[in-house]
Amino acid sequence: MVIENAGDADDQLIDAKSDIAAKVE
């Protein structure tokens, strides 16, 4: 995907979760 940040501060994608998998990284 493409993640856009329209905010005035940097951000950090730090985790992801989904019920379809035992482990998401």
PDBML (XML) file of the C-alpha atoms, coordinates in Angstrom:
<?xml version="1.0" encoding="UTF-8" ?>
<PDBx:datablock datablockName="MODEL"
   xmlns:PDBx="http://pdbml.pdb.org/schema/pdbx-v50.xsd"
   xmlns:xsi="http://www.w3.org/2001/XMLSchema-instance"
   xsi:schemaLocation="http://pdbml.pdb.org/schema/pdbx-v50.xsd pdbx-v50.xsd">
   <PDBx:atom_siteCategory>
      <PDBx:atom_site id="1">
         <PDBx:B_iso_or_equiv>0.00</PDBx:B_iso_or_equiv>
         <PDBx:Cartn_x>0.000</PDBx:Cartn_x>
         <PDBx:Cartn_y>0.000</PDBx:Cartn_y>
         <PDBx:Cartn_z>0.000</PDBx:Cartn_z>
         <PDBx:auth_asym_id>A</PDBx:auth_asym_id>
         <PDBx:auth_atom_id>CA</PDBx:auth_atom_id>
         <PDBx:auth_comp_id>MET</PDBx:auth_comp_id>
         <PDBx:auth_seq_id>1</PDBx:auth_seq_id>
         <PDBx:group_PDB>ATOM</PDBx:group_PDB>
         <PDBx:label_alt_id xsi:nil="true" />
         <PDBx:label_asym_id>A</PDBx:label_asym_id>
         <PDBx:label_atom_id>CA</PDBx:label_atom_id>
         <PDBx:label_comp_id>MET</PDBx:label_comp_id>
         <PDBx:label_entity_id>1</PDBx:label_entity_id>
         <PDBx:label_seq_id>1</PDBx:label_seq_id>
         <PDBx:occupancy>1.00</PDBx:occupancy>
         <PDBx:pdbx_PDB_model_num>1</PDBx:pdbx_PDB_model_num>
         <PDBx:type_symbol>C</PDBx:type_symbol>
      </PDBx:atom_site>
      <PDBx:atom_site id="2">
         <PDBx:B_iso_or_equiv>0.00</PDBx:B_iso_or_equiv>
         <PDBx:Cartn_x>0.913</PDBx:Cartn_x>
         <PDBx:Cartn_y>3.666</PDBx:Cartn_y>
         <PDBx:Cartn_z>-0.005</PDBx:Cartn_z>
         <PDBx:auth_asym_id>A</PDBx:auth_asym_id>
         <PDBx:auth_atom_id>CA</PDBx:auth_atom_id>
         <PDBx:auth_comp_id>VAL</PDBx:auth_comp_id>
         <PDBx:auth_seq_id>2</PDBx:auth_seq_id>
         <PDBx:group_PDB>ATOM</PDBx:group_PDB>
         <PDBx:label_alt_id xsi:nil="true" />
         <PDBx:label_asym_id>A</PDBx:label_asym_id>
         <PDBx:label_atom_id>CA</PDBx:label_atom_id>
         <PDBx:label_comp_id>VAL</PDBx:label_comp_id>
         <PDBx:label_entity_id>1</PDBx:label_entity_id>
         <PDBx:label_seq_id>2</PDBx:label_seq_id>
         <PDBx:occupancy>1.00</PDBx:occupancy>
         <PDBx:pdbx_PDB_model_num>1</PDBx:pdbx_PDB_model_num>
         <PDBx:type_symbol>C</PDBx:type_symbol>
      </PDBx:atom_site>
      <PDBx:atom_site id="3">
         <PDBx:B_iso_or_equiv>0.00</PDBx:B_iso_or_equiv>
         <PDBx:Cartn_x>0.676</PDBx:Cartn_x>
         <PDBx:Cartn_y>5.409</PDBx:Cartn_y>
         <PDBx:Cartn_z>3.376</PDBx:Cartn_z>
         <PDBx:auth_asym_id>A</PDBx:auth_asym_id>
         <PDBx:auth_atom_id>CA</PDBx:auth_atom_id>
         <PDBx:auth_comp_id>ILE</PDBx:auth_comp_id>
         <PDBx:auth_seq_id>3</PDBx:auth_seq_id>
         <PDBx:group_PDB>ATOM</PDBx:group_PDB>
         <PDBx:label_alt_id xsi:nil="true" />
         <PDBx:label_asym_id>A</PDBx:label_asym_id>
         <PDBx:label_atom_id>CA</PDBx:label_atom_id>
         <PDBx:label_comp_id>ILE</PDBx:label_comp_id>
         <PDBx:label_entity_id>1</PDBx:label_entity_id>
         <PDBx:label_seq_id>3</PDBx:label_seq_id>
         <PDBx:occupancy>1.00</PDBx:occupancy>
         <PDBx:pdbx_PDB_model_num>1</PDBx:pdbx_PDB_model_num>
         <PDBx:type_symbol>C</PDBx:type_symbol>
      </PDBx:atom_site>
      <PDBx:atom_site id="4">
         <PDBx:B_iso_or_equiv>0.00</PDBx:B_iso_or_equiv>
         <PDBx:Cartn_x>0.299</PDBx:Cartn_x>
         <PDBx:Cartn_y>9.177</PDBx:Cartn_y>
         <PDBx:Cartn_z>3.262</PDBx:Cartn_z>
         <PDBx:auth_asym_id>A</PDBx:auth_asym_id>
         <PDBx:auth_atom_id>CA</PDBx:auth_atom_id>
         <PDBx:auth_comp_id>GLU</PDBx:auth_comp_id>
         <PDBx:auth_seq_id>4</PDBx:auth_seq_id>
         <PDBx:group_PDB>ATOM</PDBx:group_PDB>
         <PDBx:label_alt_id xsi:nil="true" />
         <PDBx:label_asym_id>A</PDBx:label_asym_id>
         <PDBx:label_atom_id>CA</PDBx:label_atom_id>
         <PDBx:label_comp_id>GLU</PDBx:label_comp_id>
         <PDBx:label_entity_id>1</PDBx:label_entity_id>
         <PDBx:label_seq_id>4</PDBx:label_seq_id>
         <PDBx:occupancy>1.00</PDBx:occupancy>
         <PDBx:pdbx_PDB_model_num>1</PDBx:pdbx_PDB_model_num>
         <PDBx:type_symbol>C</PDBx:type_symbol>
      </PDBx:atom_site>
      <PDBx:atom_site id="5">
         <PDBx:B_iso_or_equiv>0.00</PDBx:B_iso_or_equiv>
         <PDBx:Cartn_x>0.874</PDBx:Cartn_x>
         <PDBx:Cartn_y>11.506</PDBx:Cartn_y>
         <PDBx:Cartn_z>6.219</PDBx:Cartn_z>
         <PDBx:auth_asym_id>A</PDBx:auth_asym_id>
         <PDBx:auth_atom_id>CA</PDBx:auth_atom_id>
         <PDBx:auth_comp_id>ASN</PDBx:auth_comp_id>
         <PDBx:auth_seq_id>5</PDBx:auth_seq_id>
         <PDBx:group_PDB>ATOM</PDBx:group_PDB>
         <PDBx:label_alt_id xsi:nil="true" />
         <PDBx:label_asym_id>A</PDBx:label_asym_id>
         <PDBx:label_atom_id>CA</PDBx:label_atom_id>
         <PDBx:label_comp_id>ASN</PDBx:label_comp_id>
         <PDBx:label_entity_id>1</PDBx:label_entity_id>
         <PDBx:label_seq_id>5</PDBx:label_seq_id>
         <PDBx:occupancy>1.00</PDBx:occupancy>
         <PDBx:pdbx_PDB_model_num>1</PDBx:pdbx_PDB_model_num>
         <PDBx:type_symbol>C</PDBx:type_symbol>
      </PDBx:atom_site>
      <PDBx:atom_site id="6">
         <PDBx:B_iso_or_equiv>0.00</PDBx:B_iso_or_equiv>
         <PDBx:Cartn_x>-0.823</PDBx:Cartn_x>
         <PDBx:Cartn_y>14.903</PDBx:Cartn_y>
         <PDBx:Cartn_z>5.809</PDBx:Cartn_z>
         <PDBx:auth_asym_id>A</PDBx:auth_asym_id>
         <PDBx:auth_atom_id>CA</PDBx:auth_atom_id>
         <PDBx:auth_comp_id>ALA</PDBx:auth_comp_id>
         <PDBx:auth_seq_id>6</PDBx:auth_seq_id>
         <PDBx:group_PDB>ATOM</PDBx:group_PDB>
         <PDBx:label_alt_id xsi:nil="true" />
         <PDBx:label_asym_id>A</PDBx:label_asym_id>
         <PDBx:label_atom_id>CA</PDBx:label_atom_id>
         <PDBx:label_comp_id>ALA</PDBx:label_comp_id>
         <PDBx:label_entity_id>1</PDBx:label_entity_id>
         <PDBx:label_seq_id>6</PDBx:label_seq_id>
         <PDBx:occupancy>1.00</PDBx:occupancy>
         <PDBx:pdbx_PDB_model_num>1</PDBx:pdbx_PDB_model_num>
         <PDBx:type_symbol>C</PDBx:type_symbol>
      </PDBx:atom_site>
      <PDBx:atom_site id="7">
         <PDBx:B_iso_or_equiv>0.00</PDBx:B_iso_or_equiv>
         <PDBx:Cartn_x>0.234</PDBx:Cartn_x>
         <PDBx:Cartn_y>15.967</PDBx:Cartn_y>
         <PDBx:Cartn_z>9.311</PDBx:Cartn_z>
         <PDBx:auth_asym_id>A</PDBx:auth_asym_id>
         <PDBx:auth_atom_id>CA</PDBx:auth_atom_id>
         <PDBx:auth_comp_id>GLY</PDBx:auth_comp_id>
         <PDBx:auth_seq_id>7</PDBx:auth_seq_id>
         <PDBx:group_PDB>ATOM</PDBx:group_PDB>
         <PDBx:label_alt_id xsi:nil="true" />
         <PDBx:label_asym_id>A</PDBx:label_asym_id>
         <PDBx:label_atom_id>CA</PDBx:label_atom_id>
         <PDBx:label_comp_id>GLY</PDBx:label_comp_id>
         <PDBx:label_entity_id>1</PDBx:label_entity_id>
         <PDBx:label_seq_id>7</PDBx:label_seq_id>
         <PDBx:occupancy>1.00</PDBx:occupancy>
         <PDBx:pdbx_PDB_model_num>1</PDBx:pdbx_PDB_model_num>
         <PDBx:type_symbol>C</PDBx:type_symbol>
      </PDBx:atom_site>
      <PDBx:atom_site id="8">
         <PDBx:B_iso_or_equiv>0.00</PDBx:B_iso_or_equiv>
         <PDBx:Cartn_x>2.898</PDBx:Cartn_x>
         <PDBx:Cartn_y>18.430</PDBx:Cartn_y>
         <PDBx:Cartn_z>10.356</PDBx:Cartn_z>
         <PDBx:auth_asym_id>A</PDBx:auth_asym_id>
         <PDBx:auth_atom_id>CA</PDBx:auth_atom_id>
         <PDBx:auth_comp_id>ASP</PDBx:auth_comp_id>
         <PDBx:auth_seq_id>8</PDBx:auth_seq_id>
         <PDBx:group_PDB>ATOM</PDBx:group_PDB>
         <PDBx:label_alt_id xsi:nil="true" />
         <PDBx:label_asym_id>A</PDBx:label_asym_id>
         <PDBx:label_atom_id>CA</PDBx:label_atom_id>
         <PDBx:label_comp_id>ASP</PDBx:label_comp_id>
         <PDBx:label_entity_id>1</PDBx:label_entity_id>
         <PDBx:label_seq_id>8</PDBx:label_seq_id>
         <PDBx:occupancy>1.00</PDBx:occupancy>
         <PDBx:pdbx_PDB_model_num>1</PDBx:pdbx_PDB_model_num>
         <PDBx:type_symbol>C</PDBx:type_symbol>
      </PDBx:atom_site>
      <PDBx:atom_site id="9">
         <PDBx:B_iso_or_equiv>0.00</PDBx:B_iso_or_equiv>
         <PDBx:Cartn_x>4.867</PDBx:Cartn_x>
         <PDBx:Cartn_y>15.778</PDBx:Cartn_y>
         <PDBx:Cartn_z>12.275</PDBx:Cartn_z>
         <PDBx:auth_asym_id>A</PDBx:auth_asym_id>
         <PDBx:auth_atom_id>CA</PDBx:auth_atom_id>
         <PDBx:auth_comp_id>ALA</PDBx:auth_comp_id>
         <PDBx:auth_seq_id>9</PDBx:auth_seq_id>
         <PDBx:group_PDB>ATOM</PDBx:group_PDB>
         <PDBx:label_alt_id xsi:nil="true" />
         <PDBx:label_asym_id>A</PDBx:label_asym_id>
         <PDBx:label_atom_id>CA</PDBx:label_atom_id>
         <PDBx:label_comp_id>ALA</PDBx:label_comp_id>
         <PDBx:label_entity_id>1</PDBx:label_entity_id>
         <PDBx:label_seq_id>9</PDBx:label_seq_id>
         <PDBx:occupancy>1.00</PDBx:occupancy>
         <PDBx:pdbx_PDB_model_num>1</PDBx:pdbx_PDB_model_num>
         <PDBx:type_symbol>C</PDBx:type_symbol>
      </PDBx:atom_site>
      <PDBx:atom_site id="10">
         <PDBx:B_iso_or_equiv>0.00</PDBx:B_iso_or_equiv>
         <PDBx:Cartn_x>6.632</PDBx:Cartn_x>
         <PDBx:Cartn_y>12.622</PDBx:Cartn_y>
         <PDBx:Cartn_z>11.132</PDBx:Cartn_z>
         <PDBx:auth_asym_id>A</PDBx:auth_asym_id>
         <PDBx:auth_atom_id>CA</PDBx:auth_atom_id>
         <PDBx:auth_comp_id>ASP</PDBx:auth_comp_id>
         <PDBx:auth_seq_id>10</PDBx:auth_seq_id>
         <PDBx:group_PDB>ATOM</PDBx:group_PDB>
         <PDBx:label_alt_id xsi:nil="true" />
         <PDBx:label_asym_id>A</PDBx:label_asym_id>
         <PDBx:label_atom_id>CA</PDBx:label_atom_id>
         <PDBx:label_comp_id>ASP</PDBx:label_comp_id>
         <PDBx:label_entity_id>1</PDBx:label_entity_id>
         <PDBx:label_seq_id>10</PDBx:label_seq_id>
         <PDBx:occupancy>1.00</PDBx:occupancy>
         <PDBx:pdbx_PDB_model_num>1</PDBx:pdbx_PDB_model_num>
         <PDBx:type_symbol>C</PDBx:type_symbol>
      </PDBx:atom_site>
      <PDBx:atom_site id="11">
         <PDBx:B_iso_or_equiv>0.00</PDBx:B_iso_or_equiv>
         <PDBx:Cartn_x>4.973</PDBx:Cartn_x>
         <PDBx:Cartn_y>9.405</PDBx:Cartn_y>
         <PDBx:Cartn_z>12.254</PDBx:Cartn_z>
         <PDBx:auth_asym_id>A</PDBx:auth_asym_id>
         <PDBx:auth_atom_id>CA</PDBx:auth_atom_id>
         <PDBx:auth_comp_id>ASP</PDBx:auth_comp_id>
         <PDBx:auth_seq_id>11</PDBx:auth_seq_id>
         <PDBx:group_PDB>ATOM</PDBx:group_PDB>
         <PDBx:label_alt_id xsi:nil="true" />
         <PDBx:label_asym_id>A</PDBx:label_asym_id>
         <PDBx:label_atom_id>CA</PDBx:label_atom_id>
         <PDBx:label_comp_id>ASP</PDBx:label_comp_id>
         <PDBx:label_entity_id>1</PDBx:label_entity_id>
         <PDBx:label_seq_id>11</PDBx:label_seq_id>
         <PDBx:occupancy>1.00</PDBx:occupancy>
         <PDBx:pdbx_PDB_model_num>1</PDBx:pdbx_PDB_model_num>
         <PDBx:type_symbol>C</PDBx:type_symbol>
      </PDBx:atom_site>
      <PDBx:atom_site id="12">
         <PDBx:B_iso_or_equiv>0.00</PDBx:B_iso_or_equiv>
         <PDBx:Cartn_x>6.105</PDBx:Cartn_x>
         <PDBx:Cartn_y>5.780</PDBx:Cartn_y>
         <PDBx:Cartn_z>12.426</PDBx:Cartn_z>
         <PDBx:auth_asym_id>A</PDBx:auth_asym_id>
         <PDBx:auth_atom_id>CA</PDBx:auth_atom_id>
         <PDBx:auth_comp_id>GLN</PDBx:auth_comp_id>
         <PDBx:auth_seq_id>12</PDBx:auth_seq_id>
         <PDBx:group_PDB>ATOM</PDBx:group_PDB>
         <PDBx:label_alt_id xsi:nil="true" />
         <PDBx:label_asym_id>A</PDBx:label_asym_id>
         <PDBx:label_atom_id>CA</PDBx:label_atom_id>
         <PDBx:label_comp_id>GLN</PDBx:label_comp_id>
         <PDBx:label_entity_id>1</PDBx:label_entity_id>
         <PDBx:label_seq_id>12</PDBx:label_seq_id>
         <PDBx:occupancy>1.00</PDBx:occupancy>
         <PDBx:pdbx_PDB_model_num>1</PDBx:pdbx_PDB_model_num>
         <PDBx:type_symbol>C</PDBx:type_symbol>
      </PDBx:atom_site>
      <PDBx:atom_site id="13">
         <PDBx:B_iso_or_equiv>0.00</PDBx:B_iso_or_equiv>
         <PDBx:Cartn_x>4.210</PDBx:Cartn_x>
         <PDBx:Cartn_y>2.646</PDBx:Cartn_y>
         <PDBx:Cartn_z>11.393</PDBx:Cartn_z>
         <PDBx:auth_asym_id>A</PDBx:auth_asym_id>
         <PDBx:auth_atom_id>CA</PDBx:auth_atom_id>
         <PDBx:auth_comp_id>LEU</PDBx:auth_comp_id>
         <PDBx:auth_seq_id>13</PDBx:auth_seq_id>
         <PDBx:group_PDB>ATOM</PDBx:group_PDB>
         <PDBx:label_alt_id xsi:nil="true" />
         <PDBx:label_asym_id>A</PDBx:label_asym_id>
         <PDBx:label_atom_id>CA</PDBx:label_atom_id>
         <PDBx:label_comp_id>LEU</PDBx:label_comp_id>
         <PDBx:label_entity_id>1</PDBx:label_entity_id>
         <PDBx:label_seq_id>13</PDBx:label_seq_id>
         <PDBx:occupancy>1.00</PDBx:occupancy>
         <PDBx:pdbx_PDB_model_num>1</PDBx:pdbx_PDB_model_num>
         <PDBx:type_symbol>C</PDBx:type_symbol>
      </PDBx:atom_site>
      <PDBx:atom_site id="14">
         <PDBx:B_iso_or_equiv>0.00</PDBx:B_iso_or_equiv>
         <PDBx:Cartn_x>5.111</PDBx:Cartn_x>
         <PDBx:Cartn_y>0.377</PDBx:Cartn_y>
         <PDBx:Cartn_z>14.320</PDBx:Cartn_z>
         <PDBx:auth_asym_id>A</PDBx:auth_asym_id>
         <PDBx:auth_atom_id>CA</PDBx:auth_atom_id>
         <PDBx:auth_comp_id>ILE</PDBx:auth_comp_id>
         <PDBx:auth_seq_id>14</PDBx:auth_seq_id>
         <PDBx:group_PDB>ATOM</PDBx:group_PDB>
         <PDBx:label_alt_id xsi:nil="true" />
         <PDBx:label_asym_id>A</PDBx:label_asym_id>
         <PDBx:label_atom_id>CA</PDBx:label_atom_id>
         <PDBx:label_comp_id>ILE</PDBx:label_comp_id>
         <PDBx:label_entity_id>1</PDBx:label_entity_id>
         <PDBx:label_seq_id>14</PDBx:label_seq_id>
         <PDBx:occupancy>1.00</PDBx:occupancy>
         <PDBx:pdbx_PDB_model_num>1</PDBx:pdbx_PDB_model_num>
         <PDBx:type_symbol>C</PDBx:type_symbol>
      </PDBx:atom_site>
      <PDBx:atom_site id="15">
         <PDBx:B_iso_or_equiv>0.00</PDBx:B_iso_or_equiv>
         <PDBx:Cartn_x>2.788</PDBx:Cartn_x>
         <PDBx:Cartn_y>-2.632</PDBx:Cartn_y>
         <PDBx:Cartn_z>14.093</PDBx:Cartn_z>
         <PDBx:auth_asym_id>A</PDBx:auth_asym_id>
         <PDBx:auth_atom_id>CA</PDBx:auth_atom_id>
         <PDBx:auth_comp_id>ASP</PDBx:auth_comp_id>
         <PDBx:auth_seq_id>15</PDBx:auth_seq_id>
         <PDBx:group_PDB>ATOM</PDBx:group_PDB>
         <PDBx:label_alt_id xsi:nil="true" />
         <PDBx:label_asym_id>A</PDBx:label_asym_id>
         <PDBx:label_atom_id>CA</PDBx:label_atom_id>
         <PDBx:label_comp_id>ASP</PDBx:label_comp_id>
         <PDBx:label_entity_id>1</PDBx:label_entity_id>
         <PDBx:label_seq_id>15</PDBx:label_seq_id>
         <PDBx:occupancy>1.00</PDBx:occupancy>
         <PDBx:pdbx_PDB_model_num>1</PDBx:pdbx_PDB_model_num>
         <PDBx:type_symbol>C</PDBx:type_symbol>
      </PDBx:atom_site>
      <PDBx:atom_site id="16">
         <PDBx:B_iso_or_equiv>0.00</PDBx:B_iso_or_equiv>
         <PDBx:Cartn_x>0.133</PDBx:Cartn_x>
         <PDBx:Cartn_y>-4.430</PDBx:Cartn_y>
         <PDBx:Cartn_z>12.074</PDBx:Cartn_z>
         <PDBx:auth_asym_id>A</PDBx:auth_asym_id>
         <PDBx:auth_atom_id>CA</PDBx:auth_atom_id>
         <PDBx:auth_comp_id>ALA</PDBx:auth_comp_id>
         <PDBx:auth_seq_id>16</PDBx:auth_seq_id>
         <PDBx:group_PDB>ATOM</PDBx:group_PDB>
         <PDBx:label_alt_id xsi:nil="true" />
         <PDBx:label_asym_id>A</PDBx:label_asym_id>
         <PDBx:label_atom_id>CA</PDBx:label_atom_id>
         <PDBx:label_comp_id>ALA</PDBx:label_comp_id>
         <PDBx:label_entity_id>1</PDBx:label_entity_id>
         <PDBx:label_seq_id>16</PDBx:label_seq_id>
         <PDBx:occupancy>1.00</PDBx:occupancy>
         <PDBx:pdbx_PDB_model_num>1</PDBx:pdbx_PDB_model_num>
         <PDBx:type_symbol>C</PDBx:type_symbol>
      </PDBx:atom_site>
      <PDBx:atom_site id="17">
         <PDBx:B_iso_or_equiv>0.00</PDBx:B_iso_or_equiv>
         <PDBx:Cartn_x>-2.582</PDBx:Cartn_x>
         <PDBx:Cartn_y>-6.890</PDBx:Cartn_y>
         <PDBx:Cartn_z>13.113</PDBx:Cartn_z>
         <PDBx:auth_asym_id>A</PDBx:auth_asym_id>
         <PDBx:auth_atom_id>CA</PDBx:auth_atom_id>
         <PDBx:auth_comp_id>LYS</PDBx:auth_comp_id>
         <PDBx:auth_seq_id>17</PDBx:auth_seq_id>
         <PDBx:group_PDB>ATOM</PDBx:group_PDB>
         <PDBx:label_alt_id xsi:nil="true" />
         <PDBx:label_asym_id>A</PDBx:label_asym_id>
         <PDBx:label_atom_id>CA</PDBx:label_atom_id>
         <PDBx:label_comp_id>LYS</PDBx:label_comp_id>
         <PDBx:label_entity_id>1</PDBx:label_entity_id>
         <PDBx:label_seq_id>17</PDBx:label_seq_id>
         <PDBx:occupancy>1.00</PDBx:occupancy>
         <PDBx:pdbx_PDB_model_num>1</PDBx:pdbx_PDB_model_num>
         <PDBx:type_symbol>C</PDBx:type_symbol>
      </PDBx:atom_site>
      <PDBx:atom_site id="18">
         <PDBx:B_iso_or_equiv>0.00</PDBx:B_iso_or_equiv>
         <PDBx:Cartn_x>-5.111</PDBx:Cartn_x>
         <PDBx:Cartn_y>-9.079</PDBx:Cartn_y>
         <PDBx:Cartn_z>11.344</PDBx:Cartn_z>
         <PDBx:auth_asym_id>A</PDBx:auth_asym_id>
         <PDBx:auth_atom_id>CA</PDBx:auth_atom_id>
         <PDBx:auth_comp_id>SER</PDBx:auth_comp_id>
         <PDBx:auth_seq_id>18</PDBx:auth_seq_id>
         <PDBx:group_PDB>ATOM</PDBx:group_PDB>
         <PDBx:label_alt_id xsi:nil="true" />
         <PDBx:label_asym_id>A</PDBx:label_asym_id>
         <PDBx:label_atom_id>CA</PDBx:label_atom_id>
         <PDBx:label_comp_id>SER</PDBx:label_comp_id>
         <PDBx:label_entity_id>1</PDBx:label_entity_id>
         <PDBx:label_seq_id>18</PDBx:label_seq_id>
         <PDBx:occupancy>1.00</PDBx:occupancy>
         <PDBx:pdbx_PDB_model_num>1</PDBx:pdbx_PDB_model_num>
         <PDBx:type_symbol>C</PDBx:type_symbol>
      </PDBx:atom_site>
      <PDBx:atom_site id="19">
         <PDBx:B_iso_or_equiv>0.00</PDBx:B_iso_or_equiv>
         <PDBx:Cartn_x>-7.264</PDBx:Cartn_x>
         <PDBx:Cartn_y>-12.004</PDBx:Cartn_y>
         <PDBx:Cartn_z>12.400</PDBx:Cartn_z>
         <PDBx:auth_asym_id>A</PDBx:auth_asym_id>
         <PDBx:auth_atom_id>CA</PDBx:auth_atom_id>
         <PDBx:auth_comp_id>ASP</PDBx:auth_comp_id>
         <PDBx:auth_seq_id>19</PDBx:auth_seq_id>
         <PDBx:group_PDB>ATOM</PDBx:group_PDB>
         <PDBx:label_alt_id xsi:nil="true" />
         <PDBx:label_asym_id>A</PDBx:label_asym_id>
         <PDBx:label_atom_id>CA</PDBx:label_atom_id>
         <PDBx:label_comp_id>ASP</PDBx:label_comp_id>
         <PDBx:label_entity_id>1</PDBx:label_entity_id>
         <PDBx:label_seq_id>19</PDBx:label_seq_id>
         <PDBx:occupancy>1.00</PDBx:occupancy>
         <PDBx:pdbx_PDB_model_num>1</PDBx:pdbx_PDB_model_num>
         <PDBx:type_symbol>C</PDBx:type_symbol>
      </PDBx:atom_site>
      <PDBx:atom_site id="20">
         <PDBx:B_iso_or_equiv>0.00</PDBx:B_iso_or_equiv>
         <PDBx:Cartn_x>-6.346</PDBx:Cartn_x>
         <PDBx:Cartn_y>-13.936</PDBx:Cartn_y>
         <PDBx:Cartn_z>9.242</PDBx:Cartn_z>
         <PDBx:auth_asym_id>A</PDBx:auth_asym_id>
         <PDBx:auth_atom_id>CA</PDBx:auth_atom_id>
         <PDBx:auth_comp_id>ILE</PDBx:auth_comp_id>
         <PDBx:auth_seq_id>20</PDBx:auth_seq_id>
         <PDBx:group_PDB>ATOM</PDBx:group_PDB>
         <PDBx:label_alt_id xsi:nil="true" />
         <PDBx:label_asym_id>A</PDBx:label_asym_id>
         <PDBx:label_atom_id>CA</PDBx:label_atom_id>
         <PDBx:label_comp_id>ILE</PDBx:label_comp_id>
         <PDBx:label_entity_id>1</PDBx:label_entity_id>
         <PDBx:label_seq_id>20</PDBx:label_seq_id>
         <PDBx:occupancy>1.00</PDBx:occupancy>
         <PDBx:pdbx_PDB_model_num>1</PDBx:pdbx_PDB_model_num>
         <PDBx:type_symbol>C</PDBx:type_symbol>
      </PDBx:atom_site>
      <PDBx:atom_site id="21">
         <PDBx:B_iso_or_equiv>0.00</PDBx:B_iso_or_equiv>
         <PDBx:Cartn_x>-2.835</PDBx:Cartn_x>
         <PDBx:Cartn_y>-14.871</PDBx:Cartn_y>
         <PDBx:Cartn_z>10.477</PDBx:Cartn_z>
         <PDBx:auth_asym_id>A</PDBx:auth_asym_id>
         <PDBx:auth_atom_id>CA</PDBx:auth_atom_id>
         <PDBx:auth_comp_id>ALA</PDBx:auth_comp_id>
         <PDBx:auth_seq_id>21</PDBx:auth_seq_id>
         <PDBx:group_PDB>ATOM</PDBx:group_PDB>
         <PDBx:label_alt_id xsi:nil="true" />
         <PDBx:label_asym_id>A</PDBx:label_asym_id>
         <PDBx:label_atom_id>CA</PDBx:label_atom_id>
         <PDBx:label_comp_id>ALA</PDBx:label_comp_id>
         <PDBx:label_entity_id>1</PDBx:label_entity_id>
         <PDBx:label_seq_id>21</PDBx:label_seq_id>
         <PDBx:occupancy>1.00</PDBx:occupancy>
         <PDBx:pdbx_PDB_model_num>1</PDBx:pdbx_PDB_model_num>
         <PDBx:type_symbol>C</PDBx:type_symbol>
      </PDBx:atom_site>
      <PDBx:atom_site id="22">
         <PDBx:B_iso_or_equiv>0.00</PDBx:B_iso_or_equiv>
         <PDBx:Cartn_x>-1.178</PDBx:Cartn_x>
         <PDBx:Cartn_y>-16.171</PDBx:Cartn_y>
         <PDBx:Cartn_z>13.620</PDBx:Cartn_z>
         <PDBx:auth_asym_id>A</PDBx:auth_asym_id>
         <PDBx:auth_atom_id>CA</PDBx:auth_atom_id>
         <PDBx:auth_comp_id>ALA</PDBx:auth_comp_id>
         <PDBx:auth_seq_id>22</PDBx:auth_seq_id>
         <PDBx:group_PDB>ATOM</PDBx:group_PDB>
         <PDBx:label_alt_id xsi:nil="true" />
         <PDBx:label_asym_id>A</PDBx:label_asym_id>
         <PDBx:label_atom_id>CA</PDBx:label_atom_id>
         <PDBx:label_comp_id>ALA</PDBx:label_comp_id>
         <PDBx:label_entity_id>1</PDBx:label_entity_id>
         <PDBx:label_seq_id>22</PDBx:label_seq_id>
         <PDBx:occupancy>1.00</PDBx:occupancy>
         <PDBx:pdbx_PDB_model_num>1</PDBx:pdbx_PDB_model_num>
         <PDBx:type_symbol>C</PDBx:type_symbol>
      </PDBx:atom_site>
      <PDBx:atom_site id="23">
         <PDBx:B_iso_or_equiv>0.00</PDBx:B_iso_or_equiv>
         <PDBx:Cartn_x>1.649</PDBx:Cartn_x>
         <PDBx:Cartn_y>-13.676</PDBx:Cartn_y>
         <PDBx:Cartn_z>13.106</PDBx:Cartn_z>
         <PDBx:auth_asym_id>A</PDBx:auth_asym_id>
         <PDBx:auth_atom_id>CA</PDBx:auth_atom_id>
         <PDBx:auth_comp_id>LYS</PDBx:auth_comp_id>
         <PDBx:auth_seq_id>23</PDBx:auth_seq_id>
         <PDBx:group_PDB>ATOM</PDBx:group_PDB>
         <PDBx:label_alt_id xsi:nil="true" />
         <PDBx:label_asym_id>A</PDBx:label_asym_id>
         <PDBx:label_atom_id>CA</PDBx:label_atom_id>
         <PDBx:label_comp_id>LYS</PDBx:label_comp_id>
         <PDBx:label_entity_id>1</PDBx:label_entity_id>
         <PDBx:label_seq_id>23</PDBx:label_seq_id>
         <PDBx:occupancy>1.00</PDBx:occupancy>
         <PDBx:pdbx_PDB_model_num>1</PDBx:pdbx_PDB_model_num>
         <PDBx:type_symbol>C</PDBx:type_symbol>
      </PDBx:atom_site>
      <PDBx:atom_site id="24">
         <PDBx:B_iso_or_equiv>0.00</PDBx:B_iso_or_equiv>
         <PDBx:Cartn_x>1.701</PDBx:Cartn_x>
         <PDBx:Cartn_y>-10.314</PDBx:Cartn_y>
         <PDBx:Cartn_z>11.309</PDBx:Cartn_z>
         <PDBx:auth_asym_id>A</PDBx:auth_asym_id>
         <PDBx:auth_atom_id>CA</PDBx:auth_atom_id>
         <PDBx:auth_comp_id>VAL</PDBx:auth_comp_id>
         <PDBx:auth_seq_id>24</PDBx:auth_seq_id>
         <PDBx:group_PDB>ATOM</PDBx:group_PDB>
         <PDBx:label_alt_id xsi:nil="true" />
         <PDBx:label_asym_id>A</PDBx:label_asym_id>
         <PDBx:label_atom_id>CA</PDBx:label_atom_id>
         <PDBx:label_comp_id>VAL</PDBx:label_comp_id>
         <PDBx:label_entity_id>1</PDBx:label_entity_id>
         <PDBx:label_seq_id>24</PDBx:label_seq_id>
         <PDBx:occupancy>1.00</PDBx:occupancy>
         <PDBx:pdbx_PDB_model_num>1</PDBx:pdbx_PDB_model_num>
         <PDBx:type_symbol>C</PDBx:type_symbol>
      </PDBx:atom_site>
      <PDBx:atom_site id="25">
         <PDBx:B_iso_or_equiv>0.00</PDBx:B_iso_or_equiv>
         <PDBx:Cartn_x>4.987</PDBx:Cartn_x>
         <PDBx:Cartn_y>-8.426</PDBx:Cartn_y>
         <PDBx:Cartn_z>10.992</PDBx:Cartn_z>
         <PDBx:auth_asym_id>A</PDBx:auth_asym_id>
         <PDBx:auth_atom_id>CA</PDBx:auth_atom_id>
         <PDBx:auth_comp_id>GLU</PDBx:auth_comp_id>
         <PDBx:auth_seq_id>25</PDBx:auth_seq_id>
         <PDBx:group_PDB>ATOM</PDBx:group_PDB>
         <PDBx:label_alt_id xsi:nil="true" />
         <PDBx:label_asym_id>A</PDBx:label_asym_id>
         <PDBx:label_atom_id>CA</PDBx:label_atom_id>
         <PDBx:label_comp_id>GLU</PDBx:label_comp_id>
         <PDBx:label_entity_id>1</PDBx:label_entity_id>
         <PDBx:label_seq_id>25</PDBx:label_seq_id>
         <PDBx:occupancy>1.00</PDBx:occupancy>
         <PDBx:pdbx_PDB_model_num>1</PDBx:pdbx_PDB_model_num>
         <PDBx:type_symbol>C</PDBx:type_symbol>
      </PDBx:atom_site>
   </PDBx:atom_siteCategory>
</PDBx:datablock>
